[in-house]
C-alpha atoms as a PDB file:
ATOM      1  CA  UNK A   1    -100.312 239.196-136.003  1.00  0.00           C
ATOM      2  CA  UNK A   2    -101.098 239.964-139.648  1.00  0.00           C
ATOM      3  CA  UNK A   3    -100.086 243.635-139.241  1.00  0.00           C
ATOM      4  CA  UNK A   4     -96.733 242.549-137.729  1.00  0.00           C
ATOM      5  CA  UNK A   5     -96.151 240.337-140.768  1.00  0.00           C
ATOM      6  CA  UNK A   6     -96.878 243.286-143.093  1.00  0.00           C
ATOM      7  CA  UNK A   7     -94.518 245.529-141.165  1.00  0.00           C
ATOM      8  CA  UNK A   8     -91.727 242.904-141.329  1.00  0.00           C
ATOM      9  CA  UNK A   9     -92.287 242.380-145.041  1.00  0.00           C
ATOM     10  CA  UNK A  10     -92.242 246.115-145.565  1.00  0.00           C
ATOM     11  CA  UNK A  11     -88.940 246.423-143.728  1.00  0.00           C
ATOM     12  CA  UNK A  12     -87.422 243.599-145.704  1.00  0.00           C
ATOM     13  CA  UNK A  13     -88.685 245.116-148.975  1.00  0.00           C
ATOM     14  CA  UNK A  14     -87.232 248.462-148.014  1.00  0.00           C
ATOM     15  CA  UNK A  15     -83.794 247.029-147.332  1.00  0.00           C
ATOM     16  CA  UNK A  16     -83.979 245.009-150.568  1.00  0.00           C
ATOM     17  CA  UNK A  17     -84.797 248.207-152.521  1.00  0.00           C
ATOM     18  CA  UNK A  18     -81.960 250.089-150.820  1.00  0.00           C
ATOM     19  CA  UNK A  19     -79.541 247.304-151.718  1.00  0.00           C
ATOM     20  CA  UNK A  20     -80.823 247.330-155.277  1.00  0.00           C
ATOM     21  CA  UNK A  21     -80.411 251.084-155.569  1.00  0.00           C
ATOM     22  CA  UNK A  22     -76.925 251.048-154.111  1.00  0.00           C
ATOM     23  CA  UNK A  23     -75.940 248.194-156.405  1.00  0.00           C
ATOM     24  CA  UNK A  24     -77.233 250.044-159.456  1.00  0.00           C
ATOM     25  CA  UNK A  25     -75.413 253.212-158.502  1.00  0.00           C
ATOM     26  CA  UNK A  26     -72.226 251.136-157.900  1.00  0.00           C
ATOM     27  CA  UNK A  27     -72.567 249.689-161.418  1.00  0.00           C
ATOM     28  CA  UNK A  28     -72.265 253.151-162.956  1.00  0.00           C
ATOM     29  CA  UNK A  29     -72.855 253.923-165.884  1.00  0.00           C
ATOM     30  CA  UNK A  30     -74.742 250.756-166.917  1.00  0.00           C
ATOM     31  CA  UNK A  31     -76.594 250.725-163.622  1.00  0.00           C
ATOM     32  CA  UNK A  32     -78.314 254.008-164.538  1.00  0.00           C
ATOM     33  CA  UNK A  33     -80.530 252.132-166.963  1.00  0.00           C
ATOM     34  CA  UNK A  34     -81.849 249.903-164.180  1.00  0.00           C
ATOM     35  CA  UNK A  35     -82.067 252.894-161.855  1.00  0.00           C
ATOM     36  CA  UNK A  36     -84.305 254.702-164.351  1.00  0.00           C
ATOM     37  CA  UNK A  37     -86.456 251.585-164.641  1.00  0.00           C
ATOM     38  CA  UNK A  38     -86.856 251.286-160.859  1.00  0.00           C
ATOM     39  CA  UNK A  39     -87.790 254.987-160.644  1.00  0.00           C
ATOM     40  CA  UNK A  40     -90.330 254.596-163.447  1.00  0.00           C
ATOM     41  CA  UNK A  41     -91.996 251.619-161.776  1.00  0.00           C
ATOM     42  CA  UNK A  42     -92.021 253.448-158.464  1.00  0.00           C
ATOM     43  CA  UNK A  43     -93.752 256.491-160.034  1.00  0.00           C
ATOM     44  CA  UNK A  44     -96.377 254.243-161.611  1.00  0.00           C
ATOM     45  CA  UNK A  45     -97.033 252.516-158.276  1.00  0.00           C
ATOM     46  CA  UNK A  46     -97.448 255.910-156.572  1.00  0.00           C
ATOM     47  CA  UNK A  47     -99.984 256.913-159.272  1.00  0.00           C
ATOM     48  CA  UNK A  48    -101.945 253.671-158.807  1.00  0.00           C
ATOM     49  CA  UNK A  49    -102.075 254.168-154.981  1.00  0.00           C
ATOM     50  CA  UNK A  50    -103.217 257.787-155.324  1.00  0.00           C
ATOM     51  CA  UNK A  51    -105.945 256.818-157.801  1.00  0.00           C
ATOM     52  CA  UNK A  52    -107.153 253.983-155.543  1.00  0.00           C
ATOM     53  CA  UNK A  53    -107.210 256.099-152.386  1.00  0.00           C
ATOM     54  CA  UNK A  54    -109.097 258.899-154.196  1.00  0.00           C
ATOM     55  CA  UNK A  55    -111.742 256.749-155.787  1.00  0.00           C
ATOM     56  CA  UNK A  56    -114.970 256.946-153.746  1.00  0.00           C
ATOM     57  CA  UNK A  57    -116.748 254.416-156.067  1.00  0.00           C
ATOM     58  CA  UNK A  58    -114.278 251.677-155.093  1.00  0.00           C
ATOM     59  CA  UNK A  59    -114.812 252.513-151.450  1.00  0.00           C
ATOM     60  CA  UNK A  60    -118.550 252.185-151.888  1.00  0.00           C
ATOM     61  CA  UNK A  61    -118.244 248.689-153.368  1.00  0.00           C
ATOM     62  CA  UNK A  62    -115.733 247.640-150.723  1.00  0.00           C
ATOM     63  CA  UNK A  63    -118.227 248.577-147.978  1.00  0.00           C
ATOM     64  CA  UNK A  64    -121.543 247.487-149.543  1.00  0.00           C
ATOM     65  CA  UNK A  65    -120.954 244.544-151.898  1.00  0.00           C
ATOM     66  CA  UNK A  66    -120.595 241.028-150.389  1.00  0.00           C
ATOM     67  CA  UNK A  67    -117.589 239.068-151.556  1.00  0.00           C
END
């Protein structure tokens, strides 16, 4: 049930981002400023996910430390 909710939220977020990107492109040339901002935030999110997935110390604490 929880995974289905995440999938649905991911689909909605994807459509929202597509609408945002198409809107920014349609608002050319001012929309390019927003488009560059969205790309910058996306690149930073990708960097954060890569660092998190590659950090074995965080994995150790996730498995062995009680919350």
